[in-house]
Amino acid sequence: MNLSELNKIAAAMVAPGRGILAADESTGTIKKRFDSIGVESTADNRRDYREMLFRSADAMSKYISGVILYDETIRQSAKDGTPLVKLIEKTGALPGIKVDKGTKPLPSCPGEVVTEGLDGLRERLVEYRGFGAKFAKWRAVIDIGQAHEMPSYTCVRVNAHALARYAALCQDEGIVPIVEPEVLMDGSHDIDRCVEVTTWVLKETFQELFYNRVALEGMVLKPNMAVPGKKSAKRASVEEIADKTLRVLRECVPAAVPGIAFLSGGQSDEEATAHLDAINKMGPLPWQVSYSYGRALQAAPLKAWSGKSENVVAAQRAFSHRAMMNGLASLGQWKADLERKAA
């Protein structure tokens, strides 16, 4: 393991003012996104859409540090024959790859899942490195149930262990792991229950990373923010979310980790930006705190594009705007009136 090289890549992934574009939607997920704009989810349409994003020179060169790709995408070439990986590299951003195989039901734990994909992972990492991947991503999914029976200790433990095994394999193959233990915001729980579960999940994850000898200096953490569930009757202010999220991170995340790149987890575009900004305004922080957003970066450009070539420029403009807003938020320099000016 070349730790200095891994650390250099990890630092570049969370460079000040930049963040990671999560363009690693599975075929099923991208189909749902395309259905919402009335576009058929074919390999060519998926390629055209992602090529449109990667050719957004303004956004990619100024505000995007890396792109998480799906297995199909890392193998695809643009219409002119240029590999999509090369388009990303030309902008100065780093190509990355989602390597997990998705979730499966967890035996004896009703309603809970475990992320699979460790079998054959080393060989896949070698192949992806050959395509140009500098980092990888593995997502664990933790759901908060109605009562305190979910998540179970089994669910938290097995997912933390799988994340650590994946991270160790990545570092052994010279690839920086994004460690993503996501506590979902789908339930009716309040923010304090989210804090409780997120603290537990992060502590368990870092313990497993230690047991598996993962070098913290050569990884990036992709956590959820502390937010109430979507169905919760008790909402939380931007300031409360920022304060409680930061308290969890200070308690659980060692300073050796170069950076934290939040997932948006179902928040609206502006919510994800406002919360990231509020967290950074509470600095100085021991880590670079940035973003690794999928839908919160892509919803506006996807709608503007709508599968039509004549809409490419408008879609790229929408993407550049959202990337710039999040870039400012990662510096604690975002203001709500910047959104209104753009509108």
Protein backbone atom coordinates (compact mmCIF):
# COMPACT_ATOMS: atom_id res chain seq x y z
CA MET A 1 0.00 0.00 0.00
CA ASN A 2 1.35 3.42 -1.01
CA LEU A 3 -0.29 5.47 1.73
CA SER A 4 1.13 8.82 0.60
CA GLU A 5 -0.44 8.33 -2.86
CA LEU A 6 -3.78 7.24 -1.34
CA ASN A 7 -3.72 10.28 0.94
CA LYS A 8 -2.98 12.57 -2.00
CA ILE A 9 -5.99 11.20 -3.94
CA ALA A 10 -8.27 11.39 -0.87
CA ALA A 11 -7.25 15.02 -0.30
CA ALA A 12 -7.98 15.84 -3.97
CA MET A 13 -11.45 14.25 -3.64
CA VAL A 14 -12.37 16.74 -0.90
CA ALA A 15 -10.41 19.74 -2.21
CA PRO A 16 -11.78 23.07 -0.89
CA GLY A 17 -14.69 24.35 -2.97
CA ARG A 18 -15.18 21.03 -4.78
CA GLY A 19 -17.21 17.87 -4.30
CA ILE A 20 -18.01 14.51 -5.84
CA LEU A 21 -20.72 13.90 -8.45
CA ALA A 22 -22.45 10.58 -7.73
CA ALA A 23 -23.34 9.37 -11.24
CA ASP A 24 -23.40 5.70 -10.24
CA GLU A 25 -27.15 5.05 -10.43
CA SER A 26 -27.91 1.41 -11.12
CA THR A 27 -29.83 0.55 -14.29
CA GLY A 28 -33.03 0.29 -12.22
CA THR A 29 -32.52 3.66 -10.50
CA ILE A 30 -31.65 5.58 -13.68
CA LYS A 31 -34.75 4.07 -15.31
CA LYS A 32 -36.92 5.65 -12.58
CA ARG A 33 -35.18 9.00 -13.15
CA PHE A 34 -35.69 8.75 -16.92
CA ASP A 35 -39.32 7.68 -16.45
CA SER A 36 -39.92 10.95 -14.59
CA ILE A 37 -38.94 12.93 -17.73
CA GLY A 38 -40.49 10.53 -20.25
CA VAL A 39 -37.21 9.25 -21.69
CA GLU A 40 -36.54 5.58 -22.48
CA SER A 41 -33.65 4.16 -20.46
CA THR A 42 -31.43 2.76 -23.23
CA ALA A 43 -27.64 2.43 -23.09
CA ASP A 44 -27.30 5.27 -25.63
CA ASN A 45 -29.62 7.60 -23.71
CA ARG A 46 -27.81 6.87 -20.45
CA ARG A 47 -24.51 7.60 -22.17
CA ASP A 48 -25.80 10.83 -23.75
CA TYR A 49 -27.09 12.07 -20.41
CA ARG A 50 -23.86 11.40 -18.56
CA GLU A 51 -21.75 12.72 -21.41
CA MET A 52 -23.76 15.96 -21.18
CA LEU A 53 -22.81 16.24 -17.49
CA PHE A 54 -19.14 15.36 -18.00
CA ARG A 55 -18.81 17.90 -20.83
CA SER A 56 -20.11 20.69 -18.56
CA ALA A 57 -16.69 22.31 -18.53
CA ASP A 58 -17.54 25.09 -16.10
CA ALA A 59 -19.00 22.79 -13.42
CA MET A 60 -16.53 19.96 -13.86
CA SER A 61 -13.35 22.05 -13.87
CA LYS A 62 -14.31 24.39 -11.01
CA TYR A 63 -16.58 22.52 -8.59
CA ILE A 64 -16.34 18.75 -9.21
CA SER A 65 -13.38 16.85 -7.76
CA GLY A 66 -14.45 13.36 -8.82
CA VAL A 67 -17.23 11.30 -10.39
CA ILE A 68 -18.54 7.97 -9.11
CA LEU A 69 -19.38 5.80 -12.12
CA TYR A 70 -21.47 2.65 -12.59
CA ASP A 71 -19.99 -0.50 -14.17
CA GLU A 72 -21.71 0.23 -17.50
CA THR A 73 -20.57 3.87 -17.56
CA ILE A 74 -16.88 3.27 -16.86
CA ARG A 75 -16.80 1.08 -20.00
CA GLN A 76 -18.69 3.52 -22.26
CA SER A 77 -17.35 6.00 -24.80
CA ALA A 78 -18.85 9.33 -25.84
CA LYS A 79 -20.52 9.75 -29.23
CA ASP A 80 -17.19 10.81 -30.75
CA GLY A 81 -15.46 7.68 -29.42
CA THR A 82 -13.69 9.30 -26.44
CA PRO A 83 -13.94 7.08 -23.34
CA LEU A 84 -16.14 8.78 -20.73
CA VAL A 85 -13.32 8.30 -18.20
CA LYS A 86 -11.08 10.46 -20.43
CA LEU A 87 -13.72 13.21 -20.56
CA ILE A 88 -13.69 13.29 -16.76
CA GLU A 89 -9.88 13.28 -16.56
CA LYS A 90 -9.64 16.15 -19.08
CA THR A 91 -11.58 18.40 -16.68
CA GLY A 92 -9.16 17.65 -13.85
CA ALA A 93 -11.70 15.50 -11.95
CA LEU A 94 -10.93 11.96 -10.77
CA PRO A 95 -12.87 8.92 -12.05
CA GLY A 96 -14.27 6.56 -9.41
CA ILE A 97 -16.43 3.44 -9.41
CA LYS A 98 -19.28 1.90 -7.41
CA VAL A 99 -18.18 -1.64 -6.57
CA ASP A 100 -20.88 -3.07 -4.32
CA LYS A 101 -23.51 -5.41 -5.77
CA GLY A 102 -26.46 -3.85 -3.99
CA THR A 103 -28.48 -4.95 -0.98
CA LYS A 104 -30.03 -8.32 -0.19
CA PRO A 105 -32.37 -9.31 2.66
CA LEU A 106 -30.45 -10.02 5.87
CA PRO A 107 -31.27 -13.53 7.17
CA SER A 108 -33.27 -13.62 10.43
CA CYS A 109 -33.59 -9.80 10.44
CA PRO A 110 -36.99 -8.93 8.93
CA GLY A 111 -36.99 -5.66 7.00
CA GLU A 112 -33.20 -5.27 7.12
CA VAL A 113 -30.58 -5.66 4.38
CA VAL A 114 -26.88 -6.29 3.92
CA THR A 115 -24.78 -5.00 1.03
CA GLU A 116 -23.11 -7.78 -0.97
CA GLY A 117 -20.23 -7.83 -3.44
CA LEU A 118 -17.08 -8.93 -1.58
CA ASP A 119 -16.75 -12.12 -3.66
CA GLY A 120 -14.44 -11.40 -6.61
CA LEU A 121 -13.95 -7.80 -5.49
CA ARG A 122 -10.15 -7.84 -5.71
CA GLU A 123 -10.30 -8.91 -9.36
CA ARG A 124 -12.92 -6.26 -10.15
CA LEU A 125 -10.76 -3.58 -8.50
CA VAL A 126 -7.80 -4.57 -10.67
CA GLU A 127 -10.01 -4.29 -13.77
CA TYR A 128 -11.45 -0.91 -12.73
CA ARG A 129 -7.99 0.42 -11.95
CA GLY A 130 -7.08 -0.51 -15.53
CA PHE A 131 -10.00 1.66 -16.72
CA GLY A 132 -8.59 4.58 -14.73
CA ALA A 133 -10.55 4.43 -11.45
CA LYS A 134 -8.75 6.23 -8.62
CA PHE A 135 -11.35 5.63 -5.95
CA ALA A 136 -14.31 3.35 -5.23
CA LYS A 137 -17.60 3.43 -3.33
CA TRP A 138 -19.53 0.90 -1.23
CA ARG A 139 -22.87 1.84 0.34
CA ALA A 140 -24.31 0.19 3.43
CA VAL A 141 -27.99 0.84 4.19
CA ILE A 142 -29.32 1.12 7.74
CA ASP A 143 -33.06 1.66 8.23
CA ILE A 144 -34.61 3.04 11.41
CA GLY A 145 -37.77 1.13 12.29
CA GLN A 146 -40.90 2.31 14.06
CA ALA A 147 -39.77 0.99 17.43
CA HIS A 148 -36.29 0.39 18.81
CA GLU A 149 -36.03 -3.10 17.28
CA MET A 150 -34.52 -1.56 14.11
CA PRO A 151 -31.75 -1.36 13.34
CA SER A 152 -30.64 -4.59 14.94
CA TYR A 153 -27.12 -5.12 16.24
CA THR A 154 -26.74 -7.82 13.56
CA CYS A 155 -27.54 -5.37 10.76
CA VAL A 156 -25.19 -2.65 12.02
CA ARG A 157 -22.35 -5.10 12.66
CA VAL A 158 -22.44 -7.08 9.40
CA ASN A 159 -22.67 -3.93 7.28
CA ALA A 160 -19.79 -2.27 9.18
CA HIS A 161 -17.71 -5.42 8.71
CA ALA A 162 -18.43 -5.55 4.96
CA LEU A 163 -17.52 -1.85 4.58
CA ALA A 164 -14.20 -2.46 6.34
CA ARG A 165 -13.38 -5.56 4.27
CA TYR A 166 -14.12 -3.60 1.08
CA ALA A 167 -12.00 -0.63 2.24
CA ALA A 168 -9.03 -2.86 3.07
CA LEU A 169 -9.19 -4.52 -0.36
CA CYS A 170 -9.37 -1.13 -2.09
CA GLN A 171 -6.29 0.20 -0.32
CA ASP A 172 -4.42 -3.02 -1.04
CA GLU A 173 -5.05 -2.39 -4.76
CA GLY A 174 -4.09 1.31 -4.65
CA ILE A 175 -7.68 2.62 -4.76
CA VAL A 176 -9.12 5.09 -2.24
CA PRO A 177 -12.31 3.75 -0.61
CA ILE A 178 -15.34 5.94 -0.01
CA VAL A 179 -16.91 4.41 3.10
CA GLU A 180 -20.67 5.06 3.01
CA PRO A 181 -22.74 3.88 5.99
CA GLU A 182 -26.12 5.48 5.22
CA VAL A 183 -28.76 5.77 7.92
CA LEU A 184 -31.92 6.31 5.88
CA MET A 185 -34.24 9.28 6.41
CA ASP A 186 -37.34 7.37 5.24
CA GLY A 187 -39.02 6.77 8.60
CA SER A 188 -41.05 8.73 11.14
CA HIS A 189 -38.19 9.06 13.66
CA ASP A 190 -37.14 12.47 15.00
CA ILE A 191 -33.68 14.02 14.69
CA ASP A 192 -32.52 12.73 18.09
CA ARG A 193 -33.22 9.13 17.10
CA CYS A 194 -31.21 9.75 13.90
CA VAL A 195 -28.35 11.11 16.03
CA GLU A 196 -28.48 8.03 18.27
CA VAL A 197 -28.40 5.52 15.40
CA THR A 198 -25.84 7.44 13.30
CA THR A 199 -23.49 7.65 16.30
CA TRP A 200 -23.79 3.90 16.83
CA VAL A 201 -23.29 3.09 13.13
CA LEU A 202 -20.21 5.33 12.79
CA LYS A 203 -18.58 3.99 15.97
CA GLU A 204 -19.15 0.41 14.82
CA THR A 205 -17.81 1.24 11.35
CA PHE A 206 -14.59 2.83 12.63
CA GLN A 207 -14.04 -0.09 15.00
CA GLU A 208 -14.28 -2.52 12.07
CA LEU A 209 -11.98 -0.29 9.97
CA PHE A 210 -9.43 -0.55 12.81
CA TYR A 211 -9.78 -4.34 13.05
CA ASN A 212 -9.26 -4.63 9.28
CA ARG A 213 -6.17 -2.36 9.36
CA VAL A 214 -7.62 0.28 7.08
CA ALA A 215 -5.42 3.40 6.96
CA LEU A 216 -7.74 6.27 7.84
CA GLU A 217 -5.47 8.75 6.02
CA GLY A 218 -6.29 7.00 2.74
CA MET A 219 -10.11 7.01 2.79
CA VAL A 220 -13.08 9.38 2.54
CA LEU A 221 -16.20 9.04 4.71
CA LYS A 222 -19.62 9.50 3.08
CA PRO A 223 -22.17 9.74 5.91
CA ASN A 224 -25.74 10.94 6.22
CA MET A 225 -26.54 14.17 8.02
CA ALA A 226 -28.51 14.08 11.27
CA VAL A 227 -32.01 14.78 9.98
CA PRO A 228 -35.52 13.76 11.07
CA GLY A 229 -37.27 11.08 9.03
CA LYS A 230 -39.40 12.23 6.08
CA LYS A 231 -42.56 11.13 7.91
CA SER A 232 -41.63 12.75 11.23
CA ALA A 233 -44.12 15.27 12.59
CA LYS A 234 -41.24 17.03 14.32
CA ARG A 235 -39.14 19.03 11.86
CA ALA A 236 -35.69 20.52 12.51
CA SER A 237 -34.15 23.86 11.57
CA VAL A 238 -31.06 24.22 9.39
CA GLU A 239 -29.07 25.29 12.47
CA GLU A 240 -30.22 22.29 14.55
CA ILE A 241 -29.35 19.84 11.77
CA ALA A 242 -25.89 21.40 11.33
CA ASP A 243 -25.21 21.49 15.08
CA LYS A 244 -26.30 17.90 15.77
CA THR A 245 -24.57 16.52 12.66
CA LEU A 246 -21.33 18.16 13.71
CA ARG A 247 -21.62 16.84 17.25
CA VAL A 248 -21.96 13.28 15.90
CA LEU A 249 -18.94 13.71 13.61
CA ARG A 250 -16.75 15.19 16.36
CA GLU A 251 -17.61 12.26 18.62
CA CYS A 252 -17.12 9.51 16.02
CA VAL A 253 -14.75 10.52 13.19
CA PRO A 254 -10.98 10.56 13.88
CA ALA A 255 -9.09 13.62 12.66
CA ALA A 256 -6.84 11.30 10.60
CA VAL A 257 -9.66 10.99 8.01
CA PRO A 258 -8.82 13.59 5.30
CA GLY A 259 -12.39 14.42 4.41
CA ILE A 260 -16.11 13.90 4.79
CA ALA A 261 -18.31 14.03 1.68
CA PHE A 262 -21.96 14.02 2.71
CA LEU A 263 -24.66 12.13 0.85
CA SER A 264 -27.88 14.06 0.24
CA GLY A 265 -30.12 11.13 1.16
CA GLY A 266 -33.42 12.40 -0.22
CA GLN A 267 -33.05 16.04 0.82
CA SER A 268 -34.12 18.65 -1.72
CA ASP A 269 -31.42 20.42 -3.75
CA GLU A 270 -31.47 23.57 -1.63
CA GLU A 271 -31.82 21.73 1.70
CA ALA A 272 -28.68 19.68 0.99
CA THR A 273 -26.80 22.87 0.08
CA ALA A 274 -28.07 24.89 3.07
CA HIS A 275 -27.20 22.15 5.57
CA LEU A 276 -23.69 21.68 4.12
CA ASP A 277 -23.11 25.42 4.27
CA ALA A 278 -24.31 25.69 7.89
CA ILE A 279 -21.98 22.86 8.94
CA ASN A 280 -18.97 24.55 7.31
CA LYS A 281 -19.88 27.89 8.90
CA MET A 282 -19.34 26.18 12.29
CA GLY A 283 -15.65 25.58 11.52
CA PRO A 284 -12.75 25.31 11.73
CA LEU A 285 -13.19 21.55 11.43
CA PRO A 286 -10.59 18.76 11.69
CA TRP A 287 -11.52 17.41 8.25
CA GLN A 288 -12.44 18.92 4.88
CA VAL A 289 -16.25 18.76 4.73
CA SER A 290 -17.73 18.52 1.25
CA TYR A 291 -20.44 16.75 -0.74
CA SER A 292 -20.98 13.59 -2.75
CA TYR A 293 -24.43 14.25 -4.16
CA GLY A 294 -26.39 12.38 -6.80
CA ARG A 295 -29.97 13.53 -7.09
CA ALA A 296 -29.27 16.85 -5.32
CA LEU A 297 -26.82 17.74 -8.12
CA GLN A 298 -28.71 16.11 -10.99
CA ALA A 299 -32.44 16.75 -10.50
CA ALA A 300 -32.37 20.21 -12.12
CA PRO A 301 -30.16 19.31 -15.13
CA LEU A 302 -32.10 16.07 -15.71
CA LYS A 303 -35.38 17.97 -15.93
CA ALA A 304 -33.85 20.69 -18.14
CA TRP A 305 -32.34 18.08 -20.50
CA SER A 306 -35.45 15.86 -20.87
CA GLY A 307 -33.65 13.72 -23.46
CA LYS A 308 -33.42 16.44 -26.11
CA SER A 309 -30.15 17.50 -27.71
CA GLU A 310 -31.40 21.08 -28.09
CA ASN A 311 -31.66 21.28 -24.28
CA VAL A 312 -28.04 20.31 -23.57
CA VAL A 313 -26.81 23.88 -22.98
CA ALA A 314 -29.68 24.69 -20.60
CA ALA A 315 -29.11 21.42 -18.72
CA GLN A 316 -25.38 22.13 -18.40
CA ARG A 317 -26.21 25.59 -17.09
CA ALA A 318 -28.50 24.05 -14.43
CA PHE A 319 -25.77 21.56 -13.47
CA SER A 320 -23.14 24.32 -13.22
CA HIS A 321 -25.42 26.34 -10.96
CA ARG A 322 -26.05 23.48 -8.53
CA ALA A 323 -22.35 22.55 -8.53
CA MET A 324 -21.39 26.16 -7.81
CA MET A 325 -23.92 26.46 -4.97
CA ASN A 326 -22.54 23.32 -3.33
CA GLY A 327 -18.96 24.42 -3.96
CA LEU A 328 -19.73 27.64 -2.06
CA ALA A 329 -21.47 25.64 0.69
CA SER A 330 -18.36 23.48 1.13
CA LEU A 331 -16.52 26.71 1.96
CA GLY A 332 -19.31 28.08 4.18
CA GLN A 333 -19.91 30.88 1.66
CA TRP A 334 -23.37 30.02 0.29
CA LYS A 335 -26.30 32.43 0.68
CA ALA A 336 -29.96 31.72 -0.10
CA ASP A 337 -30.27 34.87 -2.21
CA LEU A 338 -27.76 33.38 -4.68
CA GLU A 339 -30.45 30.83 -5.54
CA ARG A 340 -33.03 33.53 -6.10
CA LYS A 341 -30.67 35.56 -8.30
CA ALA A 342 -30.13 32.53 -10.52
CA ALA A 343 -33.88 31.87 -10.73
